[in-house]
Amino acid sequence: EIQLVESGGGVVQAGGSLRLSCKLSVSGSAFEDYDIGWFRQAPGKEREGVCDITRRYGEAYYIDSVKGRFTISRDNAKNTVSLQMNSLKPEDTAVYYCNGVGLIKTYWGQGTQVTVSS
């Protein structure tokens, strides 16, 4: 069982940067047991996957719209996954959620708001 807490959201001008963090609390398992991803949901739209990082090799995958701008990283010692977001665009505005995917269950954080003004 794990709990995930996102932080780092805020309001930024277009072209600016934010760094989001997802802190995991783990019970009965290990941080390394989970693939971690970031999702986002804009007002009136469905939640979409943004990127993820695997537990085995740290392989990262990104949707086309954020490639070259967003970077996901994993710090096993701190049980933390970060999302560095650069060159932000107004269309990046959304609530960002992290999730942890284990062998059986998927867990979600509460989300953090990112607003990019034009």
C-alpha atoms as a PDB file:
ATOM      1  CA  GLU A   1       0.000   0.000   0.000  1.00  0.00           C
ATOM      2  CA  ILE A   2       1.267   3.465  -0.859  1.00  0.00           C
ATOM      3  CA  GLN A   3       0.200   7.061  -0.492  1.00  0.00           C
ATOM      4  CA  LEU A   4       1.238   9.749  -2.952  1.00  0.00           C
ATOM      5  CA  VAL A   5       1.335  13.487  -2.309  1.00  0.00           C
ATOM      6  CA  GLU A   6       2.018  16.021  -5.054  1.00  0.00           C
ATOM      7  CA  SER A   7       3.456  19.466  -4.495  1.00  0.00           C
ATOM      8  CA  GLY A   8       5.048  22.297  -6.444  1.00  0.00           C
ATOM      9  CA  GLY A   9       2.140  23.592  -8.488  1.00  0.00           C
ATOM     10  CA  GLY A  10       1.470  27.275  -8.920  1.00  0.00           C
ATOM     11  CA  VAL A  11       0.957  30.111 -11.364  1.00  0.00           C
ATOM     12  CA  VAL A  12       3.646  30.911 -13.917  1.00  0.00           C
ATOM     13  CA  GLN A  13       3.972  33.023 -17.044  1.00  0.00           C
ATOM     14  CA  ALA A  14       4.211  31.337 -20.417  1.00  0.00           C
ATOM     15  CA  GLY A  15       7.791  30.311 -21.032  1.00  0.00           C
ATOM     16  CA  GLY A  16       8.476  29.836 -17.349  1.00  0.00           C
ATOM     17  CA  SER A  17       9.264  26.720 -15.352  1.00  0.00           C
ATOM     18  CA  LEU A  18       7.881  24.704 -12.469  1.00  0.00           C
ATOM     19  CA  ARG A  19       9.105  21.603 -10.694  1.00  0.00           C
ATOM     20  CA  LEU A  20       6.513  19.188  -9.329  1.00  0.00           C
ATOM     21  CA  SER A  21       7.262  16.540  -6.741  1.00  0.00           C
ATOM     22  CA  CYS A  22       5.450  13.340  -5.839  1.00  0.00           C
ATOM     23  CA  LYS A  23       6.360  11.976  -2.423  1.00  0.00           C
ATOM     24  CA  LEU A  24       5.482   8.339  -1.770  1.00  0.00           C
ATOM     25  CA  SER A  25       4.812   6.762   1.623  1.00  0.00           C
ATOM     26  CA  VAL A  26       5.175   3.008   1.344  1.00  0.00           C
ATOM     27  CA  SER A  27       3.794   0.305   3.637  1.00  0.00           C
ATOM     28  CA  GLY A  28       4.157  -3.398   2.997  1.00  0.00           C
ATOM     29  CA  SER A  29       6.047  -2.868  -0.227  1.00  0.00           C
ATOM     30  CA  ALA A  30       8.917  -0.836  -1.630  1.00  0.00           C
ATOM     31  CA  PHE A  31       9.170   2.335  -3.663  1.00  0.00           C
ATOM     32  CA  GLU A  32      11.032   0.345  -6.292  1.00  0.00           C
ATOM     33  CA  ASP A  33       7.985  -1.908  -6.789  1.00  0.00           C
ATOM     34  CA  TYR A  34       6.095   0.813  -8.635  1.00  0.00           C
ATOM     35  CA  ASP A  35       6.130   2.419 -12.024  1.00  0.00           C
ATOM     36  CA  ILE A  36       5.370   6.104 -11.508  1.00  0.00           C
ATOM     37  CA  GLY A  37       3.536   8.379 -13.904  1.00  0.00           C
ATOM     38  CA  TRP A  38       2.215  11.902 -14.174  1.00  0.00           C
ATOM     39  CA  PHE A  39      -1.252  12.684 -15.497  1.00  0.00           C
ATOM     40  CA  ARG A  40      -3.060  15.952 -15.963  1.00  0.00           C
ATOM     41  CA  GLN A  41      -6.647  17.082 -16.318  1.00  0.00           C
ATOM     42  CA  ALA A  42      -7.645  20.448 -17.719  1.00  0.00           C
ATOM     43  CA  PRO A  43     -11.087  21.952 -17.037  1.00  0.00           C
ATOM     44  CA  GLY A  44     -13.730  20.258 -19.159  1.00  0.00           C
ATOM     45  CA  LYS A  45     -11.319  17.656 -20.484  1.00  0.00           C
ATOM     46  CA  GLU A  46     -10.516  14.061 -19.651  1.00  0.00           C
ATOM     47  CA  ARG A  47      -7.428  13.109 -17.722  1.00  0.00           C
ATOM     48  CA  GLU A  48      -4.460  12.342 -19.943  1.00  0.00           C
ATOM     49  CA  GLY A  49      -1.158  10.666 -19.298  1.00  0.00           C
ATOM     50  CA  VAL A  50       1.855  12.963 -19.543  1.00  0.00           C
ATOM     51  CA  CYS A  51       4.854  10.781 -18.798  1.00  0.00           C
ATOM     52  CA  ASP A  52       6.015   7.817 -16.779  1.00  0.00           C
ATOM     53  CA  ILE A  53       9.172   6.179 -15.500  1.00  0.00           C
ATOM     54  CA  THR A  54       9.594   2.461 -15.039  1.00  0.00           C
ATOM     55  CA  ARG A  55      10.816   0.726 -11.909  1.00  0.00           C
ATOM     56  CA  ARG A  56      13.236  -1.652 -13.641  1.00  0.00           C
ATOM     57  CA  TYR A  57      15.461   0.566 -15.732  1.00  0.00           C
ATOM     58  CA  GLY A  58      14.219   4.088 -15.119  1.00  0.00           C
ATOM     59  CA  GLU A  59      13.027   4.309 -18.703  1.00  0.00           C
ATOM     60  CA  ALA A  60      10.992   7.443 -19.300  1.00  0.00           C
ATOM     61  CA  TYR A  61       8.197   8.027 -21.789  1.00  0.00           C
ATOM     62  CA  TYR A  62       6.533  11.293 -22.763  1.00  0.00           C
ATOM     63  CA  ILE A  63       3.585  12.360 -24.857  1.00  0.00           C
ATOM     64  CA  ASP A  64       4.587  14.310 -27.930  1.00  0.00           C
ATOM     65  CA  SER A  65       3.323  17.662 -26.687  1.00  0.00           C
ATOM     66  CA  VAL A  66       5.777  17.743 -23.760  1.00  0.00           C
ATOM     67  CA  LYS A  67       8.849  16.100 -25.283  1.00  0.00           C
ATOM     68  CA  GLY A  68      11.887  18.309 -24.901  1.00  0.00           C
ATOM     69  CA  ARG A  69      10.155  20.455 -22.274  1.00  0.00           C
ATOM     70  CA  PHE A  70       9.280  18.073 -19.416  1.00  0.00           C
ATOM     71  CA  THR A  71      11.636  15.707 -17.616  1.00  0.00           C
ATOM     72  CA  ILE A  72      10.599  13.015 -15.152  1.00  0.00           C
ATOM     73  CA  SER A  73      13.124  11.720 -12.635  1.00  0.00           C
ATOM     74  CA  ARG A  74      13.124   9.260  -9.768  1.00  0.00           C
ATOM     75  CA  ASP A  75      15.020   9.445  -6.485  1.00  0.00           C
ATOM     76  CA  ASN A  76      14.749   6.050  -4.797  1.00  0.00           C
ATOM     77  CA  ALA A  77      16.561   7.209  -1.661  1.00  0.00           C
ATOM     78  CA  LYS A  78      13.908   9.878  -1.041  1.00  0.00           C
ATOM     79  CA  ASN A  79      10.905   7.931  -2.386  1.00  0.00           C
ATOM     80  CA  THR A  80      10.247  10.863  -4.671  1.00  0.00           C
ATOM     81  CA  VAL A  81       9.456  11.365  -8.331  1.00  0.00           C
ATOM     82  CA  SER A  82       9.848  14.826  -9.826  1.00  0.00           C
ATOM     83  CA  LEU A  83       8.567  16.488 -12.963  1.00  0.00           C
ATOM     84  CA  GLN A  84      10.633  19.387 -14.244  1.00  0.00           C
ATOM     85  CA  MET A  85       8.511  21.496 -16.585  1.00  0.00           C
ATOM     86  CA  ASN A  86      10.228  24.086 -18.757  1.00  0.00           C
ATOM     87  CA  SER A  87       8.982  26.375 -21.522  1.00  0.00           C
ATOM     88  CA  LEU A  88       5.472  26.124 -20.152  1.00  0.00           C
ATOM     89  CA  LYS A  89       2.549  26.951 -22.401  1.00  0.00           C
ATOM     90  CA  PRO A  90      -1.010  28.004 -21.541  1.00  0.00           C
ATOM     91  CA  GLU A  91      -2.225  24.639 -22.809  1.00  0.00           C
ATOM     92  CA  ASP A  92      -0.222  22.987 -20.024  1.00  0.00           C
ATOM     93  CA  THR A  93      -2.678  24.430 -17.505  1.00  0.00           C
ATOM     94  CA  ALA A  94      -4.250  21.551 -15.590  1.00  0.00           C
ATOM     95  CA  VAL A  95      -4.365  19.700 -12.325  1.00  0.00           C
ATOM     96  CA  TYR A  96      -1.391  17.358 -12.317  1.00  0.00           C
ATOM     97  CA  TYR A  97      -1.602  13.972 -10.618  1.00  0.00           C
ATOM     98  CA  CYS A  98       1.018  11.357  -9.951  1.00  0.00           C
ATOM     99  CA  ASN A  99       0.188   7.688  -9.867  1.00  0.00           C
ATOM    100  CA  GLY A 100       1.952   4.538  -8.798  1.00  0.00           C
ATOM    101  CA  VAL A 101       1.336   1.296 -10.662  1.00  0.00           C
ATOM    102  CA  GLY A 102       2.114  -1.942  -8.877  1.00  0.00           C
ATOM    103  CA  LEU A 103       1.502  -5.523  -9.844  1.00  0.00           C
ATOM    104  CA  ILE A 104      -2.120  -5.460  -8.676  1.00  0.00           C
ATOM    105  CA  LYS A 105      -3.263  -1.933  -7.814  1.00  0.00           C
ATOM    106  CA  THR A 106      -2.864   1.606  -9.068  1.00  0.00           C
ATOM    107  CA  TYR A 107      -2.691   4.517  -6.610  1.00  0.00           C
ATOM    108  CA  TRP A 108      -3.354   8.216  -7.171  1.00  0.00           C
ATOM    109  CA  GLY A 109      -2.303  11.405  -5.463  1.00  0.00           C
ATOM    110  CA  GLN A 110      -4.618  14.322  -4.739  1.00  0.00           C
ATOM    111  CA  GLY A 111      -3.304  16.543  -7.526  1.00  0.00           C
ATOM    112  CA  THR A 112      -1.621  19.932  -7.705  1.00  0.00           C
ATOM    113  CA  GLN A 113      -2.793  22.873  -9.813  1.00  0.00           C
ATOM    114  CA  VAL A 114      -0.566  24.282 -12.544  1.00  0.00           C
ATOM    115  CA  THR A 115      -1.704  27.496 -14.206  1.00  0.00           C
ATOM    116  CA  VAL A 116       0.216  29.031 -17.100  1.00  0.00           C
ATOM    117  CA  SER A 117      -0.801  32.542 -18.051  1.00  0.00           C
ATOM    118  CA  SER A 118      -0.341  34.070 -21.476  1.00  0.00           C
END
